[in-house]
PDB file of N, CA and C in Angstrom:
ATOM      1  N   MET A   1      81.493  97.872 100.210  1.00  0.00           N
ATOM      2  CA  MET A   1      82.414  97.668 100.831  1.00  0.00           C
ATOM      3  C   MET A   1      84.068  98.487  99.536  1.00  0.00           C
ATOM      4  N   ALA A   2      85.591  99.213 100.507  1.00  0.00           N
ATOM      5  CA  ALA A   2      86.840  99.615 100.540  1.00  0.00           C
ATOM      6  C   ALA A   2      87.910  99.327  99.825  1.00  0.00           C
ATOM      7  N   LYS A   3      87.685  99.589  98.761  1.00  0.00           N
ATOM      8  CA  LYS A   3      88.767  98.520  97.376  1.00  0.00           C
ATOM      9  C   LYS A   3      89.516  98.089  98.219  1.00  0.00           C
ATOM     10  N   ALA A   4      90.158  97.316  97.151  1.00  0.00           N
ATOM     11  CA  ALA A   4      91.519  97.025  97.727  1.00  0.00           C
ATOM     12  C   ALA A   4      92.476  96.962  98.275  1.00  0.00           C
ATOM     13  N   GLY A   5      93.457  97.710  98.738  1.00  0.00           N
ATOM     14  CA  GLY A   5      94.595  98.239 100.230  1.00  0.00           C
ATOM     15  C   GLY A   5      94.047  99.541 101.028  1.00  0.00           C
ATOM     16  N   HIS A   6      92.921  99.478 100.308  1.00  0.00           N
ATOM     17  CA  HIS A   6      92.062 100.020 101.854  1.00  0.00           C
ATOM     18  C   HIS A   6      91.283 100.089 102.454  1.00  0.00           C
ATOM     19  N   SER A   7      91.816  98.966 102.410  1.00  0.00           N
ATOM     20  CA  SER A   7      90.931  98.281 103.650  1.00  0.00           C
ATOM     21  C   SER A   7      91.163  97.292 104.462  1.00  0.00           C
ATOM     22  N   TRP A   8      91.396  96.702 105.706  1.00  0.00           N
ATOM     23  CA  TRP A   8      91.422  96.076 107.198  1.00  0.00           C
ATOM     24  C   TRP A   8      91.379  94.560 106.762  1.00  0.00           C
ATOM     25  N   SER A   9      90.091  94.217 105.332  1.00  0.00           N
ATOM     26  CA  SER A   9      90.707  92.648 105.167  1.00  0.00           C
ATOM     27  C   SER A   9      90.069  92.793 103.952  1.00  0.00           C
ATOM     28  N   ARG A  10      89.613  91.859 103.222  1.00  0.00           N
ATOM     29  CA  ARG A  10      90.029  91.351 101.948  1.00  0.00           C
ATOM     30  C   ARG A  10      88.322  90.076 101.764  1.00  0.00           C
ATOM     31  N   ALA A  11      88.281  90.533 100.869  1.00  0.00           N
ATOM     32  CA  ALA A  11      87.104  89.800 100.118  1.00  0.00           C
ATOM     33  C   ALA A  11      87.858  89.483  98.967  1.00  0.00           C
ATOM     34  N   PRO A  12      86.464  88.105  98.638  1.00  0.00           N
ATOM     35  CA  PRO A  12      87.252  87.823  97.472  1.00  0.00           C
ATOM     36  C   PRO A  12      87.089  88.287  96.667  1.00  0.00           C
ATOM     37  N   ALA A  13      88.232  87.523  95.292  1.00  0.00           N
ATOM     38  CA  ALA A  13      88.439  88.923  94.219  1.00  0.00           C
ATOM     39  C   ALA A  13      86.783  88.774  93.445  1.00  0.00           C
ATOM     40  N   GLY A  14      85.863  90.329  93.862  1.00  0.00           N
ATOM     41  CA  GLY A  14      84.992  90.373  92.229  1.00  0.00           C
ATOM     42  C   GLY A  14      85.231  90.973  90.704  1.00  0.00           C
ATOM     43  N   LYS A  15      84.497  91.145  90.725  1.00  0.00           N
ATOM     44  CA  LYS A  15      85.162  91.904  89.647  1.00  0.00           C
ATOM     45  C   LYS A  15      85.339  93.108  89.516  1.00  0.00           C
ATOM     46  N   GLU A  16      84.870  93.864  90.115  1.00  0.00           N
ATOM     47  CA  GLU A  16      85.314  95.494  90.618  1.00  0.00           C
ATOM     48  C   GLU A  16      86.656  95.080  90.490  1.00  0.00           C
ATOM     49  N   GLU A  17      87.428  94.249  91.578  1.00  0.00           N
ATOM     50  CA  GLU A  17      88.687  94.123  91.721  1.00  0.00           C
ATOM     51  C   GLU A  17      89.638  93.547  90.044  1.00  0.00           C
ATOM     52  N   GLU A  18      88.629  92.926  90.663  1.00  0.00           N
ATOM     53  CA  GLU A  18      88.732  92.042  88.684  1.00  0.00           C
ATOM     54  C   GLU A  18      89.494  93.692  87.546  1.00  0.00           C
ATOM     55  N   GLU A  19      88.381  93.682  87.611  1.00  0.00           N
ATOM     56  CA  GLU A  19      88.862  95.567  86.275  1.00  0.00           C
ATOM     57  C   GLU A  19      89.945  95.986  87.148  1.00  0.00           C
ATOM     58  N   GLU A  20      89.976  96.290  87.905  1.00  0.00           N
ATOM     59  CA  GLU A  20      91.030  96.740  88.938  1.00  0.00           C
ATOM     60  C   GLU A  20      91.831  97.204  88.540  1.00  0.00           C
ATOM     61  N   GLU A  21      92.060  95.118  88.709  1.00  0.00           N
ATOM     62  CA  GLU A  21      93.691  95.186  88.649  1.00  0.00           C
ATOM     63  C   GLU A  21      94.324  94.992  86.984  1.00  0.00           C
ATOM     64  N   GLU A  22      92.590  94.671  86.253  1.00  0.00           N
ATOM     65  CA  GLU A  22      93.400  94.868  84.822  1.00  0.00           C
ATOM     66  C   GLU A  22      93.888  96.389  84.613  1.00  0.00           C
ATOM     67  N   ASP A  23      92.798  97.617  85.386  1.00  0.00           N
ATOM     68  CA  ASP A  23      93.697  98.794  85.247  1.00  0.00           C
ATOM     69  C   ASP A  23      94.628  99.516  85.532  1.00  0.00           C
ATOM     70  N   GLY A  24      95.455  98.350  86.335  1.00  0.00           N
ATOM     71  CA  GLY A  24      96.712  99.114  86.950  1.00  0.00           C
ATOM     72  C   GLY A  24      96.826 100.054  89.119  1.00  0.00           C
ATOM     73  N   GLU A  25      97.556 100.790  89.119  1.00  0.00           N
ATOM     74  CA  GLU A  25      97.240 100.414  90.422  1.00  0.00           C
ATOM     75  C   GLU A  25      96.000 100.854  91.013  1.00  0.00           C
ATOM     76  N   ASP A  26      96.199 101.077  91.853  1.00  0.00           N
ATOM     77  CA  ASP A  26      95.066 101.924  92.651  1.00  0.00           C
ATOM     78  C   ASP A  26      95.038 103.497  92.710  1.00  0.00           C
ATOM     79  N   PRO A  27      93.919 104.723  91.966  1.00  0.00           N
ATOM     80  CA  PRO A  27      94.563 106.021  92.197  1.00  0.00           C
ATOM     81  C   PRO A  27      94.769 106.027  93.287  1.00  0.00           C
ATOM     82  N   LEU A  28      93.963 105.771  94.386  1.00  0.00           N
ATOM     83  CA  LEU A  28      94.557 106.650  95.829  1.00  0.00           C
ATOM     84  C   LEU A  28      96.265 106.018  95.826  1.00  0.00           C
ATOM     85  N   ASP A  29      96.448 104.414  96.248  1.00  0.00           N
ATOM     86  CA  ASP A  29      97.905 104.964  95.908  1.00  0.00           C
ATOM     87  C   ASP A  29      98.865 105.419  95.300  1.00  0.00           C
ATOM     88  N   ALA A  30      98.422 105.369  94.170  1.00  0.00           N
ATOM     89  CA  ALA A  30      99.113 106.580  92.734  1.00  0.00           C
ATOM     90  C   ALA A  30      99.327 107.144  93.922  1.00  0.00           C
ATOM     91  N   ARG A  31      98.166 108.194  94.488  1.00  0.00           N
ATOM     92  CA  ARG A  31      98.240 109.665  94.583  1.00  0.00           C
ATOM     93  C   ARG A  31      99.449 109.652  95.911  1.00  0.00           C
ATOM     94  N   ILE A  32      99.094 108.944  96.761  1.00  0.00           N
ATOM     95  CA  ILE A  32     100.031 108.590  97.952  1.00  0.00           C
ATOM     96  C   ILE A  32     101.886 108.537  97.895  1.00  0.00           C
ATOM     97  N   ALA A  33     101.344 107.328  96.991  1.00  0.00           N
ATOM     98  CA  ALA A  33     102.977 107.209  96.243  1.00  0.00           C
ATOM     99  C   ALA A  33     103.736 108.241  95.766  1.00  0.00           C
ATOM    100  N   ARG A  34     103.563 109.032  94.916  1.00  0.00           N
ATOM    101  CA  ARG A  34     104.031 110.474  95.333  1.00  0.00           C
ATOM    102  C   ARG A  34     103.734 111.912  95.728  1.00  0.00           C
ATOM    103  N   THR A  35     103.693 111.122  97.211  1.00  0.00           N
ATOM    104  CA  THR A  35     104.162 112.316  98.350  1.00  0.00           C
ATOM    105  C   THR A  35     105.347 111.546  98.589  1.00  0.00           C
ATOM    106  N   GLY A  36     105.732 110.058  98.070  1.00  0.00           N
ATOM    107  CA  GLY A  36     106.877 109.805  99.075  1.00  0.00           C
ATOM    108  C   GLY A  36     106.396 108.965 100.357  1.00  0.00           C
ATOM    109  N   CYS A  37     105.922 109.071 100.468  1.00  0.00           N
ATOM    110  CA  CYS A  37     105.094 108.501 102.443  1.00  0.00           C
ATOM    111  C   CYS A  37     104.496 107.208 102.038  1.00  0.00           C
ATOM    112  N   LEU A  38     104.295 106.632 100.215  1.00  0.00           N
ATOM    113  CA  LEU A  38     103.731 105.117 101.118  1.00  0.00           C
ATOM    114  C   LEU A  38     104.384 103.443 101.498  1.00  0.00           C
ATOM    115  N   GLU A  39     105.874 104.296 101.796  1.00  0.00           N
ATOM    116  CA  GLU A  39     105.930 102.895 103.010  1.00  0.00           C
ATOM    117  C   GLU A  39     105.787 102.975 104.047  1.00  0.00           C
ATOM    118  N   GLN A  40     105.144 104.644 104.643  1.00  0.00           N
ATOM    119  CA  GLN A  40     104.467 103.845 105.753  1.00  0.00           C
ATOM    120  C   GLN A  40     103.573 104.095 106.265  1.00  0.00           C
ATOM    121  N   HIS A  41     102.788 104.029 104.910  1.00  0.00           N
ATOM    122  CA  HIS A  41     101.792 104.114 104.711  1.00  0.00           C
ATOM    123  C   HIS A  41     100.299 102.708 104.406  1.00  0.00           C
ATOM    124  N   ARG A  42     101.464 101.961 103.873  1.00  0.00           N
ATOM    125  CA  ARG A  42     101.565 100.204 103.450  1.00  0.00           C
ATOM    126  C   ARG A  42     101.739  99.862 104.927  1.00  0.00           C
ATOM    127  N   GLU A  43     102.914 100.501 105.283  1.00  0.00           N
ATOM    128  CA  GLU A  43     102.850 100.072 107.248  1.00  0.00           C
ATOM    129  C   GLU A  43     101.826  99.695 107.921  1.00  0.00           C
ATOM    130  N   LEU A  44     101.085 101.814 108.224  1.00  0.00           N
ATOM    131  CA  LEU A  44      99.496 101.324 108.245  1.00  0.00           C
ATOM    132  C   LEU A  44      99.023 100.666 108.065  1.00  0.00           C
ATOM    133  N   GLN A  45      98.654 100.489 106.901  1.00  0.00           N
ATOM    134  CA  GLN A  45      97.899  99.239 106.924  1.00  0.00           C
ATOM    135  C   GLN A  45      97.732  97.730 107.152  1.00  0.00           C
ATOM    136  N   GLU A  46      99.094  96.932 106.963  1.00  0.00           N
ATOM    137  CA  GLU A  46      99.369  96.579 107.802  1.00  0.00           C
ATOM    138  C   GLU A  46      99.097  96.359 109.179  1.00  0.00           C
ATOM    139  N   CYS A  47      99.175  96.821 109.733  1.00  0.00           N
ATOM    140  CA  CYS A  47      99.385  97.202 111.542  1.00  0.00           C
ATOM    141  C   CYS A  47      97.799  96.950 111.217  1.00  0.00           C
ATOM    142  N   MET A  48      96.756  97.808 110.706  1.00  0.00           N
ATOM    143  CA  MET A  48      95.305  97.130 110.940  1.00  0.00           C
ATOM    144  C   MET A  48      94.663  96.943 110.776  1.00  0.00           C
ATOM    145  N   GLU A  49      95.480  95.834 109.518  1.00  0.00           N
ATOM    146  CA  GLU A  49      95.026  94.163 109.678  1.00  0.00           C
ATOM    147  C   GLU A  49      95.122  93.479 110.242  1.00  0.00           C
ATOM    148  N   GLN A  50      96.672  93.276 111.053  1.00  0.00           N
ATOM    149  CA  GLN A  50      96.313  92.523 111.827  1.00  0.00           C
ATOM    150  C   GLN A  50      96.270  93.155 113.168  1.00  0.00           C
ATOM    151  N   HIS A  51      95.768  94.335 113.270  1.00  0.00           N
ATOM    152  CA  HIS A  51      95.249  94.373 115.090  1.00  0.00           C
ATOM    153  C   HIS A  51      93.672  95.303 115.329  1.00  0.00           C
ATOM    154  N   ARG A  52      93.271  95.510 113.920  1.00  0.00           N
ATOM    155  CA  ARG A  52      91.306  95.761 113.583  1.00  0.00           C
ATOM    156  C   ARG A  52      91.370  97.525 115.183  1.00  0.00           C
ATOM    157  N   ASP A  53      92.091  97.400 115.363  1.00  0.00           N
ATOM    158  CA  ASP A  53      92.287  98.939 116.437  1.00  0.00           C
ATOM    159  C   ASP A  53      93.370  99.336 116.328  1.00  0.00           C
ATOM    160  N   TRP A  54      92.668 100.909 116.062  1.00  0.00           N
ATOM    161  CA  TRP A  54      93.813 101.985 115.643  1.00  0.00           C
ATOM    162  C   TRP A  54      94.707 102.484 116.364  1.00  0.00           C
ATOM    163  N   ARG A  55      94.443 101.951 117.720  1.00  0.00           N
ATOM    164  CA  ARG A  55      95.626 102.238 119.344  1.00  0.00           C
ATOM    165  C   ARG A  55      96.182 101.574 118.878  1.00  0.00           C
ATOM    166  N   HIS A  56      96.538 100.632 118.168  1.00  0.00           N
ATOM    167  CA  HIS A  56      97.264  99.750 118.046  1.00  0.00           C
ATOM    168  C   HIS A  56      98.520 100.584 117.661  1.00  0.00           C
ATOM    169  N   CYS A  57      97.981 101.341 116.396  1.00  0.00           N
ATOM    170  CA  CYS A  57      99.723 101.255 115.589  1.00  0.00           C
ATOM    171  C   CYS A  57      99.225 102.733 115.510  1.00  0.00           C
ATOM    172  N   GLN A  58      99.771 103.151 116.313  1.00  0.00           N
ATOM    173  CA  GLN A  58      99.748 105.227 116.717  1.00  0.00           C
ATOM    174  C   GLN A  58     101.437 105.354 116.329  1.00  0.00           C
ATOM    175  N   THR A  59     102.524 104.545 116.476  1.00  0.00           N
ATOM    176  CA  THR A  59     103.219 104.358 116.048  1.00  0.00           C
ATOM    177  C   THR A  59     104.039 104.589 114.429  1.00  0.00           C
ATOM    178  N   GLN A  60     103.178 104.411 113.036  1.00  0.00           N
ATOM    179  CA  GLN A  60     103.190 103.701 112.566  1.00  0.00           C
ATOM    180  C   GLN A  60     102.116 105.276 111.930  1.00  0.00           C
ATOM    181  N   LEU A  61     100.680 104.784 112.615  1.00  0.00           N
ATOM    182  CA  LEU A  61     100.704 106.582 112.093  1.00  0.00           C
ATOM    183  C   LEU A  61     100.824 107.902 112.406  1.00  0.00           C
ATOM    184  N   ARG A  62     101.480 107.811 113.283  1.00  0.00           N
ATOM    185  CA  ARG A  62     102.655 109.243 113.513  1.00  0.00           C
ATOM    186  C   ARG A  62     104.110 109.349 112.721  1.00  0.00           C
ATOM    187  N   ALA A  63     104.270 108.175 111.838  1.00  0.00           N
ATOM    188  CA  ALA A  63     105.410 107.762 111.408  1.00  0.00           C
ATOM    189  C   ALA A  63     104.794 108.773 109.312  1.00  0.00           C
ATOM    190  N   PHE A  64     103.410 107.763 108.968  1.00  0.00           N
ATOM    191  CA  PHE A  64     102.673 108.358 108.134  1.00  0.00           C
ATOM    192  C   PHE A  64     102.097 109.686 108.075  1.00  0.00           C
ATOM    193  N   GLY A  65     101.482 110.043 109.718  1.00  0.00           N
ATOM    194  CA  GLY A  65     101.101 111.431 109.980  1.00  0.00           C
ATOM    195  C   GLY A  65     102.800 112.641 109.258  1.00  0.00           C
ATOM    196  N   ALA A  66     103.571 111.783 110.427  1.00  0.00           N
ATOM    197  CA  ALA A  66     105.062 112.661 110.077  1.00  0.00           C
ATOM    198  C   ALA A  66     105.409 112.840 108.146  1.00  0.00           C
ATOM    199  N   CYS A  67     105.244 111.381 107.531  1.00  0.00           N
ATOM    200  CA  CYS A  67     105.680 111.928 106.733  1.00  0.00           C
ATOM    201  C   CYS A  67     105.162 112.499 106.052  1.00  0.00           C
ATOM    202  N   MET A  68     103.881 112.680 105.892  1.00  0.00           N
ATOM    203  CA  MET A  68     102.507 113.849 104.799  1.00  0.00           C
ATOM    204  C   MET A  68     103.205 115.263 105.832  1.00  0.00           C
ATOM    205  N   ALA A  69     103.719 115.513 106.436  1.00  0.00           N
ATOM    206  CA  ALA A  69     103.557 117.013 107.045  1.00  0.00           C
ATOM    207  C   ALA A  69     105.095 117.176 106.822  1.00  0.00           C
ATOM    208  N   ARG A  70     105.624 116.586 106.957  1.00  0.00           N
ATOM    209  CA  ARG A  70     107.157 116.859 105.603  1.00  0.00           C
ATOM    210  C   ARG A  70     106.512 117.007 104.521  1.00  0.00           C
ATOM    211  N   ARG A  71     106.161 116.361 103.658  1.00  0.00           N
ATOM    212  CA  ARG A  71     105.705 116.897 102.165  1.00  0.00           C
ATOM    213  C   ARG A  71     105.193 118.245 101.822  1.00  0.00           C
ATOM    214  N   GLU A  72     104.082 118.678 103.076  1.00  0.00           N
ATOM    215  CA  GLU A  72     103.386 119.561 102.950  1.00  0.00           C
ATOM    216  C   GLU A  72     103.981 120.787 103.079  1.00  0.00           C
ATOM    217  N   GLU A  73     105.368 121.024 103.975  1.00  0.00           N
ATOM    218  CA  GLU A  73     106.434 121.325 104.101  1.00  0.00           C
ATOM    219  C   GLU A  73     107.279 122.274 102.869  1.00  0.00           C
ATOM    220  N   ARG A  74     107.292 120.608 102.665  1.00  0.00           N
ATOM    221  CA  ARG A  74     108.465 121.434 100.959  1.00  0.00           C
ATOM    222  C   ARG A  74     107.612 121.513  99.641  1.00  0.00           C
ATOM    223  N   GLU A  75     106.418 121.507  99.514  1.00  0.00           N
ATOM    224  CA  GLU A  75     105.193 122.158  98.702  1.00  0.00           C
ATOM    225  C   GLU A  75     104.995 124.015  99.188  1.00  0.00           C
TER     226      GLU A  75
END
């Protein structure tokens, strides 16, 4: 199962999740945070968790994609 923060449903905390929490922030979240697009990513995750269908999250998907595209242009 995907790690917490990157799955649409969360399983009860297991040994892996407990270790991850002790180690700090999820590495993928840290990478996305460095792009400046973490807020858009979290909004997309919340939408996906709520609707469980990407077709209902087009606004959030486009916002995240646009943010990432702007970052690519800056580099």
